[in-house]
Protein backbone atom coordinates (compact mmCIF):
# COMPACT_ATOMS: atom_id res chain seq x y z
CA MET A 1 1.96 13.86 16.88
CA ALA A 2 4.99 15.90 15.63
CA LEU A 3 5.32 19.61 13.86
CA ILE A 4 6.92 18.33 10.54
CA LEU A 5 9.42 20.66 8.95
CA THR A 6 11.17 20.84 5.41
CA PHE A 7 13.33 23.00 3.37
CA LEU A 8 13.05 24.59 0.36
CA GLY A 9 15.41 26.30 -2.46
CA LYS A 10 17.67 25.93 -5.53
CA GLY A 11 20.06 23.54 -5.75
CA GLY A 12 23.71 24.43 -4.55
CA THR A 13 21.86 26.85 -1.28
CA GLY A 14 23.07 24.23 1.20
CA ARG A 15 19.54 23.48 1.83
CA THR A 16 20.40 20.22 3.59
CA THR A 17 22.73 22.22 5.75
CA VAL A 18 20.23 24.17 6.72
CA ALA A 19 18.08 22.00 7.54
CA LEU A 20 20.45 19.70 9.87
CA ALA A 21 21.33 22.79 11.92
CA ALA A 22 17.77 23.82 12.29
CA ALA A 23 17.32 20.03 13.59
CA LYS A 24 20.20 20.51 15.57
CA GLN A 25 18.74 23.62 17.35
CA LEU A 26 15.82 21.67 18.27
CA ALA A 27 17.13 19.00 19.57
CA SER A 28 19.84 21.05 21.89
CA GLN A 29 16.15 22.83 23.15
CA GLY A 30 15.41 19.02 24.07
CA LYS A 31 12.87 18.60 21.40
CA ARG A 32 13.00 14.99 20.02
CA VAL A 33 13.60 15.48 16.67
CA LEU A 34 13.98 12.80 13.46
CA PHE A 35 16.33 14.29 10.44
CA ALA A 36 15.05 11.72 7.26
CA ASP A 37 16.64 12.51 4.45
CA ARG A 38 15.99 11.39 1.10
CA ASP A 39 19.78 11.60 -0.49
CA ALA A 40 21.20 7.73 -0.92
CA SER A 41 24.28 8.94 -1.58
CA PRO A 42 27.00 8.80 1.05
CA ALA A 43 27.12 12.90 1.20
CA PHE A 44 24.78 13.28 3.81
CA SER A 45 26.96 10.85 6.27
CA ILE A 46 29.87 12.52 5.24
CA LEU A 47 27.72 15.90 6.43
CA THR A 48 27.04 14.31 9.72
CA GLY A 49 29.86 12.36 10.33
CA MET A 50 28.83 9.38 11.06
CA ALA A 51 27.24 6.73 8.96
CA ILE A 52 23.78 7.26 8.39
CA GLY A 53 21.81 3.91 7.31
CA LEU A 54 18.52 3.28 6.84
CA GLU A 55 16.73 3.07 10.72
CA PRO A 56 16.96 6.14 12.67
CA THR A 57 20.37 6.99 13.73
CA GLU A 58 21.29 9.14 16.84
CA ILE A 59 23.93 11.54 15.86
CA ALA A 60 23.70 13.58 18.95
CA PRO A 61 21.46 13.59 22.07
CA ASN A 62 17.14 14.41 20.94
CA LEU A 63 18.32 14.06 17.15
CA HIS A 64 18.22 10.97 15.40
CA ALA A 65 18.67 10.57 10.81
CA VAL A 66 17.32 8.05 8.68
CA GLN A 67 17.52 7.31 5.52
CA LEU A 68 14.39 7.22 2.91
CA GLN A 69 15.70 4.59 0.89
CA SER A 70 12.64 4.15 -1.91
CA PRO A 71 13.72 -0.10 -2.33
CA HIS A 72 13.93 -0.44 1.38
CA LEU A 73 10.73 1.10 1.57
CA LEU A 74 9.20 -0.32 -0.72
CA GLU A 75 10.26 -4.51 -0.20
CA LYS A 76 9.01 -3.34 3.97
CA GLY A 77 5.68 -1.96 2.61
CA TRP A 78 5.03 -5.19 -0.06
CA THR A 79 6.31 -7.37 3.36
CA GLU A 80 3.09 -6.08 5.28
CA VAL A 81 0.84 -6.33 2.04
CA LYS A 82 1.76 -10.18 1.97
CA LYS A 83 0.80 -10.42 5.82
CA LEU A 84 -2.67 -8.72 5.18
CA GLU A 85 -2.95 -10.99 2.13
CA ALA A 86 -2.21 -14.94 4.26
CA GLU A 87 -4.57 -13.18 6.98
CA TYR A 88 -7.34 -12.29 4.43
CA VAL A 89 -7.18 -13.89 1.38
CA ARG A 90 -7.68 -17.61 1.27
CA THR A 91 -5.34 -18.59 -1.69
CA PRO A 92 -2.62 -16.41 -1.99
CA PHE A 93 -1.47 -14.89 -4.84
CA PHE A 94 1.63 -13.10 -4.25
CA LYS A 95 3.24 -15.94 -2.60
CA GLU A 96 5.93 -15.67 -4.89
CA ILE A 97 6.76 -12.00 -5.61
CA TYR A 98 9.40 -10.95 -3.49
CA GLY A 99 9.74 -7.21 -2.30
CA GLU A 100 13.35 -7.18 -3.08
CA GLU A 101 12.69 -7.72 -7.08
CA LEU A 102 10.10 -5.03 -7.33
CA ALA A 103 11.08 -1.89 -9.43
CA VAL A 104 10.62 1.59 -7.90
CA LEU A 105 7.47 2.88 -10.89
CA PRO A 106 8.17 6.42 -11.44
CA GLY A 107 6.39 8.98 -8.86
CA MET A 108 5.96 5.79 -6.20
CA ASP A 109 9.01 7.65 -4.40
CA ALA A 110 7.48 10.57 -2.87
CA VAL A 111 4.31 8.43 -1.81
CA LEU A 112 6.67 5.71 0.33
CA ALA A 113 8.15 8.80 1.48
CA LEU A 114 5.18 10.15 3.16
CA ASN A 115 4.45 6.87 4.04
CA GLU A 116 7.03 6.47 6.16
CA LEU A 117 6.77 10.01 7.57
CA ARG A 118 3.31 8.72 8.82
CA LEU A 119 4.90 5.77 10.16
CA TYR A 120 7.10 7.92 12.88
CA ASP A 121 4.86 10.63 12.98
CA ASP A 122 1.98 8.12 14.49
CA SER A 123 4.71 6.45 16.50
CA GLY A 124 5.21 9.48 19.34
CA ASN A 125 8.86 9.20 19.68
CA TYR A 126 9.66 12.17 17.77
CA ASP A 127 7.98 15.99 18.59
CA VAL A 128 9.65 17.37 15.29
CA LEU A 129 10.44 15.29 12.11
CA VAL A 130 12.55 17.25 9.66
CA TYR A 131 12.37 15.88 6.08
CA ASP A 132 15.21 16.78 3.36
CA GLY A 133 14.26 15.92 0.59
CA ALA A 134 15.49 15.05 -2.33
CA ASP A 135 14.03 17.80 -4.96
CA ASP A 136 11.22 20.47 -4.37
CA ARG A 137 9.16 20.12 -6.62
CA GLU A 138 9.25 16.07 -5.62
CA THR A 139 8.78 17.38 -1.87
CA LEU A 140 5.24 19.68 -2.72
CA ARG A 141 3.02 16.58 -4.88
CA MET A 142 4.22 14.30 -1.83
CA LEU A 143 3.10 17.10 0.93
CA GLY A 144 -0.28 17.81 -1.61
CA SER A 145 -0.75 14.22 -2.22
CA ALA A 146 -3.93 14.03 -0.27
CA GLU A 147 -6.06 16.95 -1.64
CA ILE A 148 -5.05 15.36 -4.86
CA ALA A 149 -5.71 12.16 -4.14
CA SER A 150 -9.42 13.31 -2.35
CA TRP A 151 -9.50 14.71 -5.50
CA TYR A 152 -9.82 12.00 -7.59
CA PHE A 153 -11.99 10.05 -4.95
CA ARG A 154 -14.36 12.53 -4.90
CA ARG A 155 -15.05 13.09 -8.48
CA PHE A 156 -14.09 9.29 -9.70
CA ARG A 157 -17.12 8.02 -7.50
CA GLN A 158 -19.60 10.18 -8.36
CA VAL A 159 -18.70 9.00 -12.11
CA LEU A 160 -18.25 5.13 -10.41
CA GLU A 161 -21.58 5.39 -8.66
CA GLY A 162 -23.80 6.59 -11.81
CA SER A 163 -22.43 4.53 -14.23
CA ASP A 164 -24.33 1.29 -15.91
CA ILE A 165 -21.04 -1.10 -14.95
CA VAL A 166 -21.42 -0.43 -12.14
CA LYS A 167 -24.87 -0.94 -11.17
CA ALA A 168 -24.74 -4.13 -13.75
CA LEU A 169 -21.52 -5.22 -11.17
CA ASN A 170 -23.00 -4.78 -8.00
CA PRO A 171 -25.24 -7.67 -6.95
CA PHE A 172 -22.40 -10.30 -8.18
CA PHE A 173 -19.66 -8.05 -5.88
CA GLN A 174 -20.83 -9.20 -2.86
CA PRO A 175 -20.86 -13.29 -2.83
CA ILE A 176 -17.62 -12.61 -5.12
CA SER A 177 -16.25 -10.74 -2.45
CA SER A 178 -17.50 -13.18 0.08
CA ALA A 179 -16.01 -16.96 -1.46
CA ILE A 180 -12.43 -15.44 -2.33
CA LEU A 181 -11.72 -12.91 1.32
CA ASN A 182 -12.57 -14.31 4.90
CA VAL A 183 -14.56 -10.44 5.12
CA ASP A 184 -17.69 -9.39 3.31
CA TRP A 185 -17.65 -6.60 0.87
CA ALA A 186 -19.64 -4.25 -1.18
CA PRO A 187 -19.07 -1.38 -2.98
CA ASP A 188 -20.91 0.87 -1.01
CA ASP A 189 -18.11 0.40 1.42
CA TRP A 190 -16.43 2.75 -0.09
CA SER A 191 -18.32 5.54 -1.63
CA ASN A 192 -19.35 6.73 1.86
CA LYS A 193 -17.17 8.38 4.44
CA ASN A 194 -14.78 5.51 5.03
CA LYS A 195 -11.02 4.40 6.44
CA PHE A 196 -9.47 6.32 3.12
CA ASN A 197 -11.54 9.06 3.29
CA ASP A 198 -10.82 9.85 6.43
CA MET A 199 -7.19 9.43 5.93
CA LEU A 200 -7.28 12.20 3.35
CA GLU A 201 -9.73 14.20 5.45
CA SER A 202 -6.79 14.42 7.90
CA GLY A 203 -3.58 14.76 5.82
CA LYS A 204 -5.30 17.69 4.26
CA ALA A 205 -5.83 18.99 7.51
CA ALA A 206 -2.56 18.77 8.80
CA LEU A 207 -1.24 20.35 5.93
CA ALA A 208 -3.66 23.53 5.99
CA ASP A 209 -1.81 23.29 9.70
CA PRO A 210 1.09 25.47 10.07
CA ASN A 211 1.53 24.23 13.48
CA ARG A 212 1.27 20.40 12.33
CA VAL A 213 3.29 20.89 8.42
CA ALA A 214 6.17 23.91 7.41
CA ALA A 215 8.07 24.92 5.38
CA PHE A 216 11.06 27.83 5.42
CA LEU A 217 12.72 28.89 1.95
CA VAL A 218 16.74 28.53 2.03
CA THR A 219 18.19 30.86 -0.90
CA THR A 220 21.79 32.84 -1.14
CA GLU A 221 22.53 36.24 -2.23
CA SER A 222 22.31 35.03 -5.91
CA PRO A 223 20.18 36.36 -7.94
CA ALA A 224 19.09 33.34 -9.68
CA ALA A 225 18.33 31.42 -5.64
CA ILE A 226 16.56 34.34 -4.59
CA ALA A 227 13.99 34.16 -7.54
CA THR A 228 13.36 30.06 -7.32
CA ALA A 229 13.01 30.79 -3.69
CA LYS A 230 10.04 33.27 -4.48
CA TYR A 231 9.13 31.11 -7.00
CA ARG A 232 8.38 27.62 -4.54
CA TRP A 233 6.57 29.71 -2.21
CA GLY A 234 3.85 30.07 -4.87
CA CYS A 235 4.36 27.05 -5.45
CA SER A 236 3.76 25.82 -1.47
CA GLN A 237 0.93 28.46 -1.17
CA GLN A 238 -0.61 27.08 -3.88
CA ALA A 239 -0.18 23.07 -2.39
CA GLY A 240 -1.85 23.79 0.76
CA LEU A 241 2.08 24.47 2.41
CA THR A 242 2.45 27.09 4.97
CA VAL A 243 5.84 29.41 4.72
CA GLY A 244 7.24 30.52 7.59
CA GLY A 245 9.90 32.29 7.08
CA VAL A 246 13.30 33.27 5.06
CA ILE A 247 16.93 31.84 5.81
CA VAL A 248 19.56 33.54 3.56
CA ASN A 249 22.58 31.22 3.64
CA ARG A 250 25.79 32.06 3.44
CA SER A 251 25.37 35.71 4.59
CA ASN A 252 25.89 37.89 7.66
CA ASP A 253 22.87 40.20 6.69
CA ALA A 254 19.85 39.58 4.67
CA SER A 255 18.11 43.15 5.47
CA ALA A 256 18.09 43.91 1.94
CA LEU A 257 15.79 40.84 0.84
CA ALA A 258 13.13 42.24 3.59
CA ALA A 259 11.39 43.38 0.90
CA GLU A 260 11.28 40.89 -1.66
CA PHE A 261 9.90 38.64 0.94
CA ALA A 262 7.58 40.99 2.76
CA PRO A 263 5.87 39.60 4.95
CA LEU A 264 8.03 36.96 5.34
CA SER A 265 10.74 37.29 8.13
CA VAL A 266 14.72 37.28 6.56
CA SER A 267 16.98 35.71 8.63
CA ALA A 268 21.03 35.14 7.51
CA VAL A 269 22.80 32.67 8.63
CA PRO A 270 26.89 32.79 7.88
CA THR A 271 28.45 30.28 5.89
CA GLN A 272 29.29 27.19 7.88
CA VAL A 273 33.79 27.42 8.87
CA GLY A 274 34.67 23.18 9.63
CA ASP A 275 32.43 21.43 11.95
CA ASP A 276 31.59 23.68 14.02
CA TRP A 277 27.27 23.95 13.70
CA GLN A 278 27.21 26.53 16.29
CA PRO A 279 26.57 29.74 14.64
CA LEU A 280 24.53 28.23 12.71
CA MET A 281 22.35 26.72 14.83
CA ALA A 282 22.58 30.99 16.51
CA ALA A 283 21.36 32.42 13.53
CA ILE A 284 18.21 29.49 12.73
CA PRO A 285 14.99 31.53 12.99
CA ASP A 286 11.82 29.78 15.52
CA VAL A 287 10.05 28.02 13.60
CA ARG A 288 7.11 28.92 15.44
CA GLN A 289 6.27 31.64 13.55
CA ALA A 290 4.88 30.23 10.67
CA THR A 291 1.77 30.20 12.86
CA THR A 292 1.84 34.47 12.49
CA VAL A 293 2.35 34.29 7.87
CA PRO A 294 -0.76 34.72 6.21
CA LYS A 295 -2.33 31.56 5.55
CA PRO A 296 -2.27 30.27 2.07
CA LEU A 297 -6.18 29.90 1.47
CA GLU A 298 -9.04 31.28 3.89
CA ILE A 299 -12.59 31.07 3.04
CA ASP A 300 -14.40 33.63 3.99
CA ILE A 301 -18.46 32.63 4.08
CA PRO A 302 -20.19 35.78 5.49
CA GLN A 303 -18.13 38.06 2.72
CA LYS A 304 -19.26 34.94 -0.07
CA GLN A 305 -15.24 34.90 -0.86
CA VAL A 306 -12.42 32.82 -1.29
CA ARG A 307 -8.53 34.31 -0.93
CA LEU A 308 -5.43 32.89 -1.55
CA PHE A 309 -2.22 33.79 -0.67
CA LEU A 310 0.35 33.57 -4.77
CA PRO A 311 3.05 35.13 -4.00
CA GLY A 312 5.54 34.99 -6.95
CA PHE A 313 3.11 34.87 -9.51
CA GLU A 314 1.91 37.24 -12.07
CA LYS A 315 -1.87 37.74 -12.81
CA LYS A 316 -0.96 36.02 -16.26
CA GLN A 317 -0.44 32.50 -14.70
CA VAL A 318 -2.85 32.20 -12.48
CA LYS A 319 -5.82 30.61 -13.89
CA LEU A 320 -9.96 29.87 -12.64
CA ILE A 321 -12.26 27.40 -13.36
CA GLN A 322 -14.99 26.31 -11.78
CA SER A 323 -16.64 23.34 -12.19
CA GLY A 324 -19.63 22.24 -9.68
CA PRO A 325 -19.18 22.90 -5.75
CA GLU A 326 -15.08 22.85 -6.80
CA ILE A 327 -12.73 25.51 -8.33
CA THR A 328 -9.44 25.02 -9.60
CA ILE A 329 -6.78 27.73 -9.40
CA GLU A 330 -3.85 27.14 -12.48
CA ALA A 331 -0.29 28.71 -11.11
CA GLY A 332 3.16 28.35 -11.89
CA ASP A 333 3.27 24.07 -12.73
CA GLN A 334 0.65 23.68 -9.39
CA ARG A 335 -2.76 23.46 -9.89
CA ARG A 336 -5.50 23.16 -6.60
CA ASN A 337 -8.43 22.16 -6.30
CA ILE A 338 -11.26 24.25 -3.74
CA PHE A 339 -13.99 21.95 -2.95
CA LEU A 340 -16.60 24.65 -1.39
CA PRO A 341 -18.38 24.81 1.82
CA PRO A 342 -22.32 24.09 1.66
CA GLU A 343 -22.89 28.13 1.89
CA LEU A 344 -20.79 29.16 -1.73
CA ARG A 345 -21.80 25.70 -3.26
CA GLY A 346 -23.82 26.20 -6.27
CA ARG A 347 -23.30 29.89 -6.55
CA PRO A 348 -21.46 31.47 -10.01
CA VAL A 349 -18.10 33.23 -9.48
CA THR A 350 -19.56 36.76 -9.51
CA GLY A 351 -15.48 38.17 -9.83
CA ALA A 352 -12.32 37.41 -8.90
CA LYS A 353 -8.91 39.53 -8.26
CA PHE A 354 -5.90 39.74 -8.08
CA GLN A 355 -3.83 42.16 -6.19
CA ASN A 356 -0.69 42.35 -3.64
CA GLN A 357 -0.35 38.85 -3.64
CA PHE A 358 -3.89 37.52 -3.02
CA LEU A 359 -5.80 36.26 -5.43
CA THR A 360 -9.72 37.13 -3.94
CA ILE A 361 -12.63 34.92 -5.57
CA SER A 362 -16.14 36.50 -4.87
CA PHE A 363 -19.62 34.65 -5.23
């Protein structure tokens, strides 16, 4: 399994340059690295000095780069759908629709990119995947999509299981599916712990593990860039993504910002001169330090508490909702649903305190 790294920051801070310097540093250490870029423009090819296409291209020893373009990913996925259709469906009805005809619907970009990262991870060809997203909010939605999908799966499954419509139609599902498909299928198959739910749980576990997924904030000394980085820090924690440190680009001394981002480490990266990457590579911090920072979420069963690390937010920006076995925390433009362990389910919230960037919920 590969380590997935992403870099977040305000546009214009040199986020892609810093991410590529980190990829080059890791490759120089012997790690097999894939840099996945979501920018469809020629800018990335100019930055690397090589033509980067839709398949991984070697740009340095141990370092490959690829562009993740949604239309291409959709067409490739559609080809796989038609293969499955031809294998399982007796009368294919998608055969006249071609992948190159399909338009990318809003929100599909993140799903397609996440699936491609999953495939590269499963390939076993890489030790590190560096993902350079088109937009921070899309990146956070993408990485947090397993938790979002899991919530929908849990809540709508409960609704459908108790639905009179589903109960009435249940006797018809089996014969209809057997007549159309070459495999048997019944509603009970998806209402249990199936492959889909297991995949979501695996995704949530990966995001919660800083050894598997981590982010670094990129800023300059500009007040707007610093404020954006702090906000992205809080949003990342809400999404369940561990932020391992802060990189101040185009700077020779970042000590003045240490207090702004405590307890994260803050590293200065100098301005790139020409095609010389060595000073940047030497200044990039150790990405493995993400394991030493506060976890986004901690559940203390003996103390009957849930603690969330929410830097960058004020008390008035945080809202708590309890619904059955779950609690929902709204902060900024992120909403996080926490499915409580059996020991805390059914217990009412007795108190909530926001102090020193932590939200502590007691039961």
